[in-house]
Amino acid sequence: MTAPVYSLRPATWADESFLYDLHRATMRAYVARTWGAWDESVQAAMFRAKFQPAMRQIVVVDGQAVGVVRVQRRPDALFLASIEVAPWSRPPHPMCSGSRCVICS
């Protein structure tokens, strides 16, 4: 078995649908626990209103987009603003873990 190849690429407007699906898959339960429910129309509108591709890097493993990271460069540090890894890329056949995504960013 060969080791997976990890890379990052800049997000584009063409990634918006993938990134919203990823956001829904990774954040839905958290939002529901925190605010009582996931309202699809509200969440979709908020995501689209705040979507800025230039602020995101797509995590690619073996040619497949599996996540996103947002790293903010600050004068004295790098700040990991968010990381989302597709649930479908995790065990039993892990393509990407959060720590791997951080290392490659």
N, C-alpha and C. Protein backbone atom coordinates (compact mmCIF):
# COMPACT_ATOMS: atom_id res chain seq x y z
N MET A 1 0.85 -1.18 0.00
CA MET A 1 0.00 0.00 0.00
C MET A 1 0.89 1.24 0.00
N THR A 2 0.65 2.15 -0.94
CA THR A 2 1.45 3.37 -0.99
C THR A 2 0.83 4.45 -0.11
N ALA A 3 1.70 5.33 0.36
CA ALA A 3 1.23 6.43 1.20
C ALA A 3 0.43 7.41 0.36
N PRO A 4 -0.65 7.95 0.92
CA PRO A 4 -1.44 8.92 0.17
C PRO A 4 -0.63 10.19 -0.10
N VAL A 5 -0.95 10.86 -1.18
CA VAL A 5 -0.30 12.12 -1.54
C VAL A 5 -1.23 13.26 -1.16
N TYR A 6 -0.74 14.12 -0.26
CA TYR A 6 -1.50 15.26 0.24
C TYR A 6 -1.04 16.53 -0.45
N SER A 7 -1.99 17.41 -0.75
CA SER A 7 -1.63 18.72 -1.27
C SER A 7 -2.74 19.71 -0.93
N LEU A 8 -2.44 20.96 -1.11
CA LEU A 8 -3.42 22.03 -0.94
C LEU A 8 -3.51 22.78 -2.25
N ARG A 9 -4.69 23.29 -2.51
CA ARG A 9 -4.87 24.17 -3.66
C ARG A 9 -5.82 25.28 -3.24
N PRO A 10 -5.67 26.44 -3.85
CA PRO A 10 -6.58 27.54 -3.51
C PRO A 10 -8.03 27.18 -3.86
N ALA A 11 -8.94 27.57 -3.00
CA ALA A 11 -10.37 27.40 -3.31
C ALA A 11 -10.77 28.40 -4.37
N THR A 12 -11.78 28.04 -5.14
CA THR A 12 -12.33 28.93 -6.17
C THR A 12 -13.85 28.98 -6.00
N TRP A 13 -14.48 29.87 -6.75
CA TRP A 13 -15.94 29.93 -6.71
C TRP A 13 -16.56 28.61 -7.16
N ALA A 14 -15.88 27.86 -7.98
CA ALA A 14 -16.39 26.56 -8.43
C ALA A 14 -16.47 25.55 -7.29
N ASP A 15 -15.78 25.80 -6.18
CA ASP A 15 -15.80 24.90 -5.03
C ASP A 15 -16.95 25.18 -4.06
N GLU A 16 -17.72 26.21 -4.31
CA GLU A 16 -18.74 26.62 -3.35
C GLU A 16 -19.70 25.48 -2.98
N SER A 17 -20.20 24.75 -3.95
CA SER A 17 -21.14 23.67 -3.67
C SER A 17 -20.48 22.57 -2.84
N PHE A 18 -19.28 22.14 -3.24
CA PHE A 18 -18.54 21.13 -2.46
C PHE A 18 -18.32 21.62 -1.04
N LEU A 19 -17.91 22.87 -0.89
CA LEU A 19 -17.61 23.38 0.45
C LEU A 19 -18.85 23.52 1.32
N TYR A 20 -19.99 23.86 0.71
CA TYR A 20 -21.21 23.89 1.50
C TYR A 20 -21.62 22.48 1.93
N ASP A 21 -21.53 21.52 1.03
CA ASP A 21 -21.84 20.13 1.38
C ASP A 21 -20.91 19.65 2.49
N LEU A 22 -19.64 19.99 2.40
CA LEU A 22 -18.67 19.64 3.43
C LEU A 22 -19.03 20.31 4.75
N HIS A 23 -19.36 21.58 4.69
CA HIS A 23 -19.75 22.32 5.90
C HIS A 23 -20.97 21.68 6.56
N ARG A 24 -21.96 21.35 5.76
CA ARG A 24 -23.17 20.70 6.29
C ARG A 24 -22.81 19.37 6.95
N ALA A 25 -21.99 18.57 6.28
CA ALA A 25 -21.64 17.24 6.81
C ALA A 25 -20.82 17.33 8.10
N THR A 26 -19.99 18.35 8.22
CA THR A 26 -19.11 18.43 9.39
C THR A 26 -19.70 19.26 10.52
N MET A 27 -20.60 20.18 10.22
CA MET A 27 -21.06 21.12 11.25
C MET A 27 -22.52 20.97 11.67
N ARG A 28 -23.28 20.19 10.93
CA ARG A 28 -24.73 20.09 11.21
C ARG A 28 -25.03 19.68 12.65
N ALA A 29 -24.41 18.64 13.13
CA ALA A 29 -24.69 18.17 14.49
C ALA A 29 -24.28 19.21 15.53
N TYR A 30 -23.13 19.84 15.31
CA TYR A 30 -22.66 20.88 16.23
C TYR A 30 -23.65 22.05 16.28
N VAL A 31 -24.08 22.51 15.12
CA VAL A 31 -25.04 23.62 15.06
C VAL A 31 -26.34 23.24 15.75
N ALA A 32 -26.83 22.04 15.50
CA ALA A 32 -28.08 21.60 16.13
C ALA A 32 -27.94 21.52 17.64
N ARG A 33 -26.81 21.01 18.13
CA ARG A 33 -26.60 20.94 19.58
C ARG A 33 -26.48 22.34 20.19
N THR A 34 -25.88 23.25 19.47
CA THR A 34 -25.63 24.58 20.00
C THR A 34 -26.86 25.48 19.92
N TRP A 35 -27.56 25.47 18.78
CA TRP A 35 -28.68 26.38 18.57
C TRP A 35 -30.03 25.69 18.47
N GLY A 36 -30.06 24.39 18.68
CA GLY A 36 -31.33 23.68 18.74
C GLY A 36 -31.79 23.05 17.44
N ALA A 37 -31.29 23.51 16.31
CA ALA A 37 -31.71 22.93 15.03
C ALA A 37 -30.79 23.44 13.92
N TRP A 38 -30.78 22.72 12.84
CA TRP A 38 -30.10 23.13 11.62
C TRP A 38 -31.19 23.58 10.66
N ASP A 39 -31.27 24.85 10.40
CA ASP A 39 -32.25 25.38 9.45
C ASP A 39 -31.52 25.53 8.12
N GLU A 40 -31.85 24.67 7.17
CA GLU A 40 -31.12 24.61 5.90
C GLU A 40 -31.10 25.95 5.18
N SER A 41 -32.22 26.62 5.10
CA SER A 41 -32.25 27.89 4.36
C SER A 41 -31.41 28.96 5.06
N VAL A 42 -31.46 29.01 6.37
CA VAL A 42 -30.65 29.98 7.13
C VAL A 42 -29.17 29.67 6.99
N GLN A 43 -28.81 28.40 7.16
CA GLN A 43 -27.40 28.02 7.07
C GLN A 43 -26.84 28.25 5.67
N ALA A 44 -27.60 27.91 4.65
CA ALA A 44 -27.14 28.11 3.27
C ALA A 44 -26.95 29.59 2.97
N ALA A 45 -27.88 30.42 3.43
CA ALA A 45 -27.77 31.87 3.21
C ALA A 45 -26.56 32.44 3.94
N MET A 46 -26.33 32.02 5.17
CA MET A 46 -25.18 32.51 5.94
C MET A 46 -23.87 32.07 5.28
N PHE A 47 -23.82 30.83 4.84
CA PHE A 47 -22.60 30.32 4.19
C PHE A 47 -22.30 31.13 2.94
N ARG A 48 -23.30 31.31 2.10
CA ARG A 48 -23.08 32.03 0.84
C ARG A 48 -22.72 33.49 1.07
N ALA A 49 -23.31 34.10 2.08
CA ALA A 49 -23.01 35.51 2.37
C ALA A 49 -21.56 35.71 2.83
N LYS A 50 -21.02 34.70 3.50
CA LYS A 50 -19.65 34.82 4.05
C LYS A 50 -18.60 34.11 3.21
N PHE A 51 -19.01 33.46 2.13
CA PHE A 51 -18.07 32.66 1.35
C PHE A 51 -17.07 33.54 0.62
N GLN A 52 -15.80 33.33 0.92
CA GLN A 52 -14.70 34.03 0.26
C GLN A 52 -13.66 32.98 -0.12
N PRO A 53 -13.61 32.56 -1.37
CA PRO A 53 -12.68 31.50 -1.76
C PRO A 53 -11.23 31.81 -1.42
N ALA A 54 -10.83 33.07 -1.53
CA ALA A 54 -9.43 33.42 -1.30
C ALA A 54 -8.97 33.11 0.12
N MET A 55 -9.91 32.95 1.03
CA MET A 55 -9.57 32.68 2.43
C MET A 55 -9.43 31.19 2.74
N ARG A 56 -9.61 30.33 1.73
CA ARG A 56 -9.64 28.89 1.96
C ARG A 56 -8.65 28.14 1.07
N GLN A 57 -8.18 27.02 1.59
CA GLN A 57 -7.35 26.09 0.83
C GLN A 57 -8.06 24.74 0.84
N ILE A 58 -8.20 24.15 -0.32
CA ILE A 58 -8.82 22.83 -0.44
C ILE A 58 -7.76 21.78 -0.15
N VAL A 59 -8.08 20.83 0.73
CA VAL A 59 -7.19 19.71 1.03
C VAL A 59 -7.48 18.62 0.00
N VAL A 60 -6.46 18.20 -0.70
CA VAL A 60 -6.59 17.20 -1.75
C VAL A 60 -5.73 16.00 -1.37
N VAL A 61 -6.33 14.82 -1.43
CA VAL A 61 -5.61 13.58 -1.15
C VAL A 61 -5.78 12.66 -2.35
N ASP A 62 -4.65 12.29 -2.92
CA ASP A 62 -4.66 11.43 -4.10
C ASP A 62 -5.60 11.95 -5.18
N GLY A 63 -5.58 13.27 -5.37
CA GLY A 63 -6.37 13.88 -6.42
C GLY A 63 -7.81 14.17 -6.08
N GLN A 64 -8.26 13.82 -4.88
CA GLN A 64 -9.65 14.01 -4.48
C GLN A 64 -9.75 15.07 -3.39
N ALA A 65 -10.64 16.04 -3.56
CA ALA A 65 -10.88 17.05 -2.53
C ALA A 65 -11.56 16.38 -1.34
N VAL A 66 -10.96 16.53 -0.16
CA VAL A 66 -11.50 15.87 1.04
C VAL A 66 -11.67 16.82 2.22
N GLY A 67 -11.29 18.07 2.06
CA GLY A 67 -11.42 18.98 3.18
C GLY A 67 -11.05 20.40 2.81
N VAL A 68 -11.08 21.24 3.84
CA VAL A 68 -10.75 22.65 3.67
C VAL A 68 -10.08 23.15 4.94
N VAL A 69 -9.13 24.04 4.77
CA VAL A 69 -8.52 24.73 5.91
C VAL A 69 -8.55 26.22 5.63
N ARG A 70 -8.68 26.98 6.72
CA ARG A 70 -8.55 28.44 6.65
C ARG A 70 -7.47 28.82 7.65
N VAL A 71 -6.38 29.33 7.12
CA VAL A 71 -5.28 29.77 7.96
C VAL A 71 -5.12 31.27 7.74
N GLN A 72 -5.12 32.01 8.84
CA GLN A 72 -4.93 33.45 8.76
C GLN A 72 -3.51 33.79 9.18
N ARG A 73 -2.84 34.54 8.33
CA ARG A 73 -1.49 35.01 8.66
C ARG A 73 -1.63 36.29 9.48
N ARG A 74 -1.05 36.25 10.67
CA ARG A 74 -1.06 37.41 11.55
C ARG A 74 0.38 37.87 11.74
N PRO A 75 0.57 39.09 12.19
CA PRO A 75 1.94 39.60 12.30
C PRO A 75 2.87 38.72 13.13
N ASP A 76 2.33 38.08 14.16
CA ASP A 76 3.18 37.29 15.04
C ASP A 76 2.85 35.80 15.06
N ALA A 77 1.94 35.36 14.18
CA ALA A 77 1.54 33.95 14.24
C ALA A 77 0.73 33.55 13.02
N LEU A 78 0.59 32.24 12.86
CA LEU A 78 -0.39 31.68 11.95
C LEU A 78 -1.55 31.22 12.81
N PHE A 79 -2.77 31.56 12.41
CA PHE A 79 -3.95 31.20 13.17
C PHE A 79 -4.79 30.24 12.34
N LEU A 80 -5.01 29.03 12.86
CA LEU A 80 -5.86 28.06 12.19
C LEU A 80 -7.31 28.42 12.50
N ALA A 81 -7.95 29.11 11.56
CA ALA A 81 -9.31 29.61 11.77
C ALA A 81 -10.34 28.49 11.72
N SER A 82 -10.16 27.53 10.81
CA SER A 82 -11.07 26.39 10.75
C SER A 82 -10.46 25.28 9.93
N ILE A 83 -10.96 24.10 10.20
CA ILE A 83 -10.58 22.92 9.43
C ILE A 83 -11.80 22.01 9.36
N GLU A 84 -12.11 21.54 8.18
CA GLU A 84 -13.22 20.61 8.00
C GLU A 84 -12.73 19.46 7.12
N VAL A 85 -12.91 18.25 7.61
CA VAL A 85 -12.48 17.05 6.88
C VAL A 85 -13.71 16.20 6.59
N ALA A 86 -13.88 15.83 5.34
CA ALA A 86 -15.06 15.08 4.93
C ALA A 86 -15.19 13.78 5.71
N PRO A 87 -16.36 13.54 6.29
CA PRO A 87 -16.56 12.29 7.04
C PRO A 87 -16.36 11.06 6.17
N TRP A 88 -16.64 11.18 4.88
CA TRP A 88 -16.49 10.03 3.98
C TRP A 88 -15.03 9.72 3.69
N SER A 89 -14.09 10.56 4.14
CA SER A 89 -12.67 10.30 3.90
C SER A 89 -11.97 9.74 5.14
N ARG A 90 -12.73 9.47 6.20
CA ARG A 90 -12.15 8.98 7.45
C ARG A 90 -12.22 7.46 7.50
N PRO A 91 -11.69 6.86 8.58
CA PRO A 91 -11.67 5.39 8.69
C PRO A 91 -13.00 4.78 8.30
N PRO A 92 -13.01 3.56 7.79
CA PRO A 92 -11.92 2.58 7.83
C PRO A 92 -10.83 2.79 6.79
N HIS A 93 -10.98 3.69 5.85
CA HIS A 93 -9.95 3.96 4.87
C HIS A 93 -9.59 5.43 4.94
N PRO A 94 -8.81 5.81 5.96
CA PRO A 94 -8.57 7.25 6.15
C PRO A 94 -7.74 7.85 5.03
N MET A 95 -8.30 8.83 4.37
CA MET A 95 -7.55 9.57 3.36
C MET A 95 -6.95 10.81 3.97
N CYS A 96 -7.61 11.33 5.00
CA CYS A 96 -7.16 12.58 5.58
C CYS A 96 -7.58 12.64 7.04
N SER A 97 -6.68 13.10 7.87
CA SER A 97 -7.02 13.37 9.26
C SER A 97 -6.77 14.85 9.49
N GLY A 98 -7.36 15.38 10.53
CA GLY A 98 -7.17 16.80 10.83
C GLY A 98 -5.70 17.14 11.01
N SER A 99 -4.96 16.28 11.71
CA SER A 99 -3.54 16.59 11.94
C SER A 99 -2.77 16.56 10.63
N ARG A 100 -3.09 15.66 9.72
CA ARG A 100 -2.42 15.62 8.41
C ARG A 100 -2.71 16.90 7.63
N CYS A 101 -3.94 17.38 7.72
CA CYS A 101 -4.31 18.61 7.02
C CYS A 101 -3.51 19.80 7.55
N VAL A 102 -3.33 19.84 8.85
CA VAL A 102 -2.57 20.94 9.46
C VAL A 102 -1.12 20.87 9.04
N ILE A 103 -0.55 19.68 9.01
CA ILE A 103 0.85 19.53 8.62
C ILE A 103 1.07 19.98 7.19
N CYS A 104 0.14 19.66 6.29
CA CYS A 104 0.37 20.03 4.89
C CYS A 104 0.02 21.49 4.63
N SER A 105 -0.67 22.18 5.55
CA SER A 105 -0.95 23.59 5.32
C SER A 105 0.22 24.41 5.79
